[in-house]
N, C-alpha and C. Protein backbone atom coordinates (compact mmCIF):
# COMPACT_ATOMS: atom_id res chain seq x y z
N UNK A 1 -87.04 30.33 77.48
CA UNK A 1 -85.76 29.75 77.83
C UNK A 1 -85.73 28.31 77.34
N UNK A 2 -84.75 28.01 76.53
CA UNK A 2 -84.57 26.63 76.09
C UNK A 2 -83.34 26.07 76.78
N UNK A 3 -83.47 24.83 77.22
CA UNK A 3 -82.42 24.21 78.00
C UNK A 3 -81.98 22.92 77.34
N UNK A 4 -80.69 22.72 77.26
CA UNK A 4 -80.13 21.51 76.66
C UNK A 4 -79.25 20.82 77.68
N UNK A 5 -79.70 19.65 78.11
CA UNK A 5 -78.94 18.89 79.10
C UNK A 5 -78.10 17.83 78.40
N UNK A 6 -76.97 17.53 79.01
CA UNK A 6 -76.10 16.50 78.47
C UNK A 6 -75.25 15.93 79.60
N UNK A 7 -74.53 14.86 79.29
CA UNK A 7 -73.60 14.31 80.25
C UNK A 7 -74.02 13.00 80.88
N UNK A 8 -75.23 12.55 80.60
CA UNK A 8 -75.67 11.29 81.15
C UNK A 8 -74.94 10.12 80.52
N UNK A 9 -75.14 8.95 81.10
CA UNK A 9 -74.51 7.76 80.55
C UNK A 9 -74.56 6.62 81.53
N UNK A 10 -73.79 5.61 81.22
CA UNK A 10 -73.71 4.40 82.05
C UNK A 10 -72.45 4.50 82.91
N UNK A 11 -72.63 4.26 84.19
CA UNK A 11 -71.49 4.34 85.11
C UNK A 11 -71.62 3.24 86.15
N UNK A 12 -70.50 2.77 86.64
CA UNK A 12 -70.53 1.74 87.68
C UNK A 12 -70.79 2.35 89.05
N UNK A 13 -71.32 1.57 89.96
CA UNK A 13 -71.51 2.08 91.34
C UNK A 13 -70.20 2.62 91.89
N UNK A 14 -70.31 3.77 92.55
CA UNK A 14 -69.11 4.43 93.07
C UNK A 14 -68.48 5.41 92.11
N UNK A 15 -68.93 5.41 90.87
CA UNK A 15 -68.36 6.28 89.86
C UNK A 15 -68.93 7.68 89.89
N UNK A 16 -68.49 8.47 88.93
CA UNK A 16 -68.89 9.88 88.86
C UNK A 16 -69.33 10.24 87.46
N UNK A 17 -70.18 11.25 87.40
CA UNK A 17 -70.59 11.86 86.14
C UNK A 17 -70.78 13.34 86.38
N UNK A 18 -70.66 14.12 85.32
CA UNK A 18 -70.99 15.54 85.41
C UNK A 18 -72.03 15.87 84.35
N UNK A 19 -73.17 16.34 84.81
CA UNK A 19 -74.22 16.77 83.90
C UNK A 19 -74.05 18.25 83.61
N UNK A 20 -74.40 18.62 82.39
CA UNK A 20 -74.37 20.03 81.99
C UNK A 20 -75.73 20.44 81.46
N UNK A 21 -76.07 21.68 81.67
CA UNK A 21 -77.32 22.23 81.15
C UNK A 21 -77.03 23.62 80.62
N UNK A 22 -77.15 23.77 79.31
CA UNK A 22 -76.87 25.05 78.68
C UNK A 22 -78.17 25.72 78.26
N UNK A 23 -78.31 26.97 78.66
CA UNK A 23 -79.51 27.74 78.33
C UNK A 23 -79.32 28.49 77.02
N UNK A 24 -80.45 28.79 76.39
CA UNK A 24 -80.42 29.49 75.11
C UNK A 24 -80.04 30.96 75.26
N UNK A 25 -80.17 31.47 76.48
CA UNK A 25 -79.81 32.85 76.73
C UNK A 25 -79.09 32.99 78.04
N UNK A 26 -78.95 34.22 78.48
CA UNK A 26 -78.24 34.47 79.73
C UNK A 26 -78.98 33.87 80.92
N UNK A 27 -78.23 33.27 81.82
CA UNK A 27 -78.81 32.72 83.03
C UNK A 27 -78.67 33.66 84.21
N UNK A 28 -78.05 34.80 83.97
CA UNK A 28 -77.72 35.71 85.06
C UNK A 28 -78.97 36.18 85.82
N UNK A 29 -80.03 36.47 85.10
CA UNK A 29 -81.21 37.06 85.72
C UNK A 29 -82.23 36.02 86.20
N UNK A 30 -81.96 34.78 85.97
CA UNK A 30 -82.92 33.75 86.39
C UNK A 30 -82.97 33.66 87.91
N UNK A 31 -84.15 33.39 88.42
CA UNK A 31 -84.29 33.23 89.88
C UNK A 31 -83.48 32.05 90.38
N UNK A 32 -83.53 30.97 89.63
CA UNK A 32 -82.83 29.76 90.06
C UNK A 32 -82.73 28.80 88.89
N UNK A 33 -81.81 27.89 89.02
CA UNK A 33 -81.76 26.75 88.11
C UNK A 33 -81.61 25.50 88.95
N UNK A 34 -82.04 24.39 88.37
CA UNK A 34 -81.99 23.18 89.16
C UNK A 34 -82.01 21.92 88.33
N UNK A 35 -81.98 20.83 89.04
CA UNK A 35 -82.06 19.50 88.44
C UNK A 35 -83.11 18.69 89.18
N UNK A 36 -83.93 18.03 88.40
CA UNK A 36 -84.88 17.05 88.89
C UNK A 36 -84.48 15.70 88.31
N UNK A 37 -85.03 14.66 88.87
CA UNK A 37 -84.83 13.34 88.28
C UNK A 37 -86.08 12.50 88.45
N UNK A 38 -86.21 11.55 87.56
CA UNK A 38 -87.32 10.62 87.64
C UNK A 38 -86.79 9.22 87.38
N UNK A 39 -86.88 8.42 88.42
CA UNK A 39 -86.45 7.03 88.31
C UNK A 39 -87.61 6.19 87.77
N UNK A 40 -87.30 5.05 87.19
CA UNK A 40 -88.36 4.18 86.65
C UNK A 40 -89.39 3.85 87.71
N UNK A 41 -90.65 4.09 87.39
CA UNK A 41 -91.73 3.75 88.30
C UNK A 41 -91.90 4.69 89.48
N UNK A 42 -91.15 5.79 89.49
CA UNK A 42 -91.23 6.72 90.62
C UNK A 42 -91.61 8.12 90.15
N UNK A 43 -92.01 8.91 91.10
CA UNK A 43 -92.35 10.30 90.78
C UNK A 43 -91.09 11.13 90.58
N UNK A 44 -91.25 12.19 89.82
CA UNK A 44 -90.14 13.11 89.62
C UNK A 44 -89.81 13.80 90.94
N UNK A 45 -88.54 13.94 91.23
CA UNK A 45 -88.14 14.57 92.48
C UNK A 45 -87.08 15.62 92.22
N UNK A 46 -87.08 16.63 93.09
CA UNK A 46 -86.09 17.68 93.02
C UNK A 46 -84.78 17.18 93.60
N UNK A 47 -83.69 17.42 92.88
CA UNK A 47 -82.38 16.94 93.31
C UNK A 47 -81.54 18.08 93.87
N UNK A 48 -81.44 19.17 93.12
CA UNK A 48 -80.58 20.26 93.54
C UNK A 48 -81.03 21.56 92.86
N UNK A 49 -80.78 22.65 93.57
CA UNK A 49 -81.06 23.98 92.99
C UNK A 49 -79.93 24.93 93.34
N UNK A 50 -79.80 25.95 92.51
CA UNK A 50 -78.89 27.04 92.79
C UNK A 50 -79.64 28.33 92.46
N UNK A 51 -79.70 29.24 93.43
CA UNK A 51 -80.45 30.47 93.23
C UNK A 51 -79.56 31.58 92.68
N UNK A 52 -80.18 32.69 92.38
CA UNK A 52 -79.45 33.79 91.77
C UNK A 52 -78.32 34.28 92.67
N UNK A 53 -78.54 34.22 93.99
CA UNK A 53 -77.50 34.69 94.90
C UNK A 53 -76.48 33.60 95.23
N UNK A 54 -76.61 32.45 94.59
CA UNK A 54 -75.63 31.39 94.75
C UNK A 54 -75.96 30.37 95.81
N UNK A 55 -77.10 30.51 96.45
CA UNK A 55 -77.49 29.53 97.46
C UNK A 55 -77.82 28.20 96.80
N UNK A 56 -77.29 27.14 97.37
CA UNK A 56 -77.56 25.80 96.83
C UNK A 56 -78.36 24.98 97.83
N UNK A 57 -79.18 24.10 97.29
CA UNK A 57 -79.96 23.18 98.11
C UNK A 57 -79.97 21.82 97.46
N UNK A 58 -79.98 20.80 98.28
CA UNK A 58 -79.93 19.43 97.79
C UNK A 58 -80.94 18.57 98.50
N UNK A 59 -81.42 17.55 97.81
CA UNK A 59 -82.25 16.58 98.49
C UNK A 59 -81.36 15.77 99.44
N UNK A 60 -81.95 15.23 100.46
CA UNK A 60 -81.17 14.48 101.45
C UNK A 60 -80.44 13.31 100.81
N UNK A 61 -81.02 12.73 99.77
CA UNK A 61 -80.44 11.53 99.18
C UNK A 61 -79.16 11.80 98.41
N UNK A 62 -78.90 13.06 98.07
CA UNK A 62 -77.69 13.35 97.28
C UNK A 62 -76.73 14.29 98.01
N UNK A 63 -77.10 14.78 99.17
CA UNK A 63 -76.22 15.70 99.91
C UNK A 63 -74.86 15.07 100.11
N UNK A 64 -73.85 15.89 99.99
CA UNK A 64 -72.45 15.50 100.16
C UNK A 64 -71.93 14.58 99.04
N UNK A 65 -72.80 14.27 98.07
CA UNK A 65 -72.33 13.50 96.92
C UNK A 65 -72.43 14.29 95.62
N UNK A 66 -73.44 15.13 95.53
CA UNK A 66 -73.67 15.92 94.31
C UNK A 66 -73.34 17.39 94.59
N UNK A 67 -72.92 18.09 93.55
CA UNK A 67 -72.64 19.52 93.69
C UNK A 67 -73.11 20.25 92.45
N UNK A 68 -73.94 21.26 92.67
CA UNK A 68 -74.45 22.07 91.56
C UNK A 68 -73.64 23.35 91.48
N UNK A 69 -73.34 23.77 90.27
CA UNK A 69 -72.57 25.00 90.07
C UNK A 69 -72.99 25.63 88.75
N UNK A 70 -72.49 26.82 88.47
CA UNK A 70 -72.89 27.50 87.24
C UNK A 70 -71.72 28.29 86.67
N UNK A 71 -71.81 28.53 85.39
CA UNK A 71 -70.82 29.33 84.68
C UNK A 71 -71.60 30.35 83.85
N UNK A 72 -71.60 31.59 84.32
CA UNK A 72 -72.37 32.62 83.61
C UNK A 72 -71.87 32.84 82.20
N UNK A 73 -70.57 32.77 82.04
CA UNK A 73 -70.00 33.04 80.71
C UNK A 73 -70.48 32.03 79.68
N UNK A 74 -70.77 30.81 80.14
CA UNK A 74 -71.21 29.76 79.23
C UNK A 74 -72.72 29.52 79.31
N UNK A 75 -73.41 30.30 80.15
CA UNK A 75 -74.87 30.10 80.35
C UNK A 75 -75.18 28.64 80.69
N UNK A 76 -74.36 28.09 81.54
CA UNK A 76 -74.43 26.65 81.81
C UNK A 76 -74.45 26.38 83.31
N UNK A 77 -75.26 25.42 83.68
CA UNK A 77 -75.29 24.90 85.04
C UNK A 77 -74.79 23.47 84.99
N UNK A 78 -74.03 23.10 85.99
CA UNK A 78 -73.46 21.76 86.07
C UNK A 78 -73.96 21.05 87.32
N UNK A 79 -73.92 19.75 87.26
CA UNK A 79 -74.11 18.98 88.47
C UNK A 79 -73.08 17.84 88.48
N UNK A 80 -72.15 17.98 89.39
CA UNK A 80 -71.14 16.95 89.58
C UNK A 80 -71.73 15.89 90.49
N UNK A 81 -71.74 14.65 90.03
CA UNK A 81 -72.33 13.55 90.80
C UNK A 81 -71.24 12.55 91.12
N UNK A 82 -70.98 12.37 92.40
CA UNK A 82 -69.95 11.44 92.85
C UNK A 82 -70.57 10.32 93.67
N UNK A 83 -69.82 9.29 93.86
CA UNK A 83 -70.27 8.14 94.66
C UNK A 83 -71.65 7.67 94.23
N UNK A 84 -71.82 7.53 92.94
CA UNK A 84 -73.14 7.14 92.42
C UNK A 84 -73.51 5.73 92.86
N UNK A 85 -74.78 5.56 93.14
CA UNK A 85 -75.28 4.24 93.52
C UNK A 85 -76.48 3.88 92.65
N UNK A 86 -76.96 2.66 92.82
CA UNK A 86 -78.02 2.16 91.95
C UNK A 86 -79.27 3.03 92.01
N UNK A 87 -79.51 3.63 93.19
CA UNK A 87 -80.71 4.46 93.37
C UNK A 87 -80.63 5.79 92.63
N UNK A 88 -79.48 6.11 92.10
CA UNK A 88 -79.33 7.35 91.33
C UNK A 88 -79.73 7.16 89.87
N UNK A 89 -80.00 5.94 89.48
CA UNK A 89 -80.45 5.69 88.11
C UNK A 89 -81.77 6.41 87.85
N UNK A 90 -81.77 7.25 86.84
CA UNK A 90 -82.96 8.06 86.55
C UNK A 90 -82.71 8.89 85.30
N UNK A 91 -83.77 9.50 84.82
CA UNK A 91 -83.62 10.54 83.81
C UNK A 91 -83.54 11.87 84.56
N UNK A 92 -82.53 12.64 84.26
CA UNK A 92 -82.29 13.90 84.94
C UNK A 92 -82.71 15.07 84.04
N UNK A 93 -83.46 15.98 84.63
CA UNK A 93 -84.00 17.12 83.90
C UNK A 93 -83.46 18.42 84.49
N UNK A 94 -83.08 19.30 83.60
CA UNK A 94 -82.64 20.62 84.01
C UNK A 94 -83.84 21.57 84.01
N UNK A 95 -83.86 22.51 84.95
CA UNK A 95 -84.94 23.48 85.01
C UNK A 95 -84.38 24.88 85.20
N UNK A 96 -85.19 25.84 84.77
CA UNK A 96 -84.85 27.25 84.97
C UNK A 96 -86.09 27.98 85.47
N UNK A 97 -85.93 28.69 86.55
CA UNK A 97 -87.03 29.46 87.15
C UNK A 97 -86.85 30.91 86.73
N UNK A 98 -87.75 31.35 85.84
CA UNK A 98 -87.67 32.72 85.35
C UNK A 98 -88.89 33.48 85.83
N UNK A 99 -88.74 34.20 86.91
CA UNK A 99 -89.81 35.00 87.51
C UNK A 99 -91.06 34.13 87.72
N UNK A 100 -90.85 33.00 88.34
CA UNK A 100 -91.96 32.15 88.71
C UNK A 100 -92.41 31.16 87.66
N UNK A 101 -91.92 31.30 86.46
CA UNK A 101 -92.26 30.31 85.43
C UNK A 101 -91.11 29.31 85.34
N UNK A 102 -91.47 28.04 85.38
CA UNK A 102 -90.46 26.99 85.37
C UNK A 102 -90.33 26.40 83.97
N UNK A 103 -89.13 26.45 83.45
CA UNK A 103 -88.84 25.88 82.14
C UNK A 103 -88.10 24.55 82.34
N UNK A 104 -88.40 23.62 81.45
CA UNK A 104 -87.81 22.29 81.55
C UNK A 104 -87.01 21.98 80.28
N UNK A 105 -85.90 21.32 80.48
CA UNK A 105 -85.16 20.81 79.34
C UNK A 105 -85.48 19.35 79.13
N UNK A 106 -85.01 18.82 78.02
CA UNK A 106 -85.14 17.38 77.81
C UNK A 106 -84.21 16.67 78.78
N UNK A 107 -84.59 15.50 79.15
CA UNK A 107 -83.80 14.78 80.13
C UNK A 107 -82.55 14.15 79.56
N UNK A 108 -81.65 13.85 80.45
CA UNK A 108 -80.47 13.07 80.11
C UNK A 108 -80.44 11.87 81.05
N UNK A 109 -80.23 10.71 80.48
CA UNK A 109 -80.39 9.47 81.25
C UNK A 109 -79.09 9.08 81.93
N UNK A 110 -79.21 8.75 83.19
CA UNK A 110 -78.09 8.25 83.98
C UNK A 110 -78.44 6.84 84.44
N UNK A 111 -77.56 5.92 84.12
CA UNK A 111 -77.75 4.53 84.54
C UNK A 111 -76.55 4.10 85.35
N UNK A 112 -76.80 3.69 86.58
CA UNK A 112 -75.75 3.18 87.45
C UNK A 112 -75.92 1.68 87.54
N UNK A 113 -74.93 0.97 87.03
CA UNK A 113 -75.04 -0.49 86.98
C UNK A 113 -73.66 -1.11 86.93
N UNK A 114 -73.55 -2.28 87.54
CA UNK A 114 -72.28 -3.00 87.48
C UNK A 114 -72.30 -3.99 86.33
């Protein structure tokens, strides 16, 4: 599974961005897809996941601000990020869980700055 993430950029505090992650093949059979992030000087952390049955989970730091969704027709997972703050600055990575094997895409950088 190859994953291509996009949508990062520079945004002011309080702003929004939508990240996209397109897989090289069908995402229908994948166990889950998700987003991780790694801020400068910090460990990589799980941000959000969506499972095959549509269950979503979020880290406490992004709950009620971020929303993960998917489009089977486009083999794409999205993450809508609202009310961004300085602590959301990080490189965001898309992942795909295929029967226990985790695939990673290249990151897309999000910078929140005034």
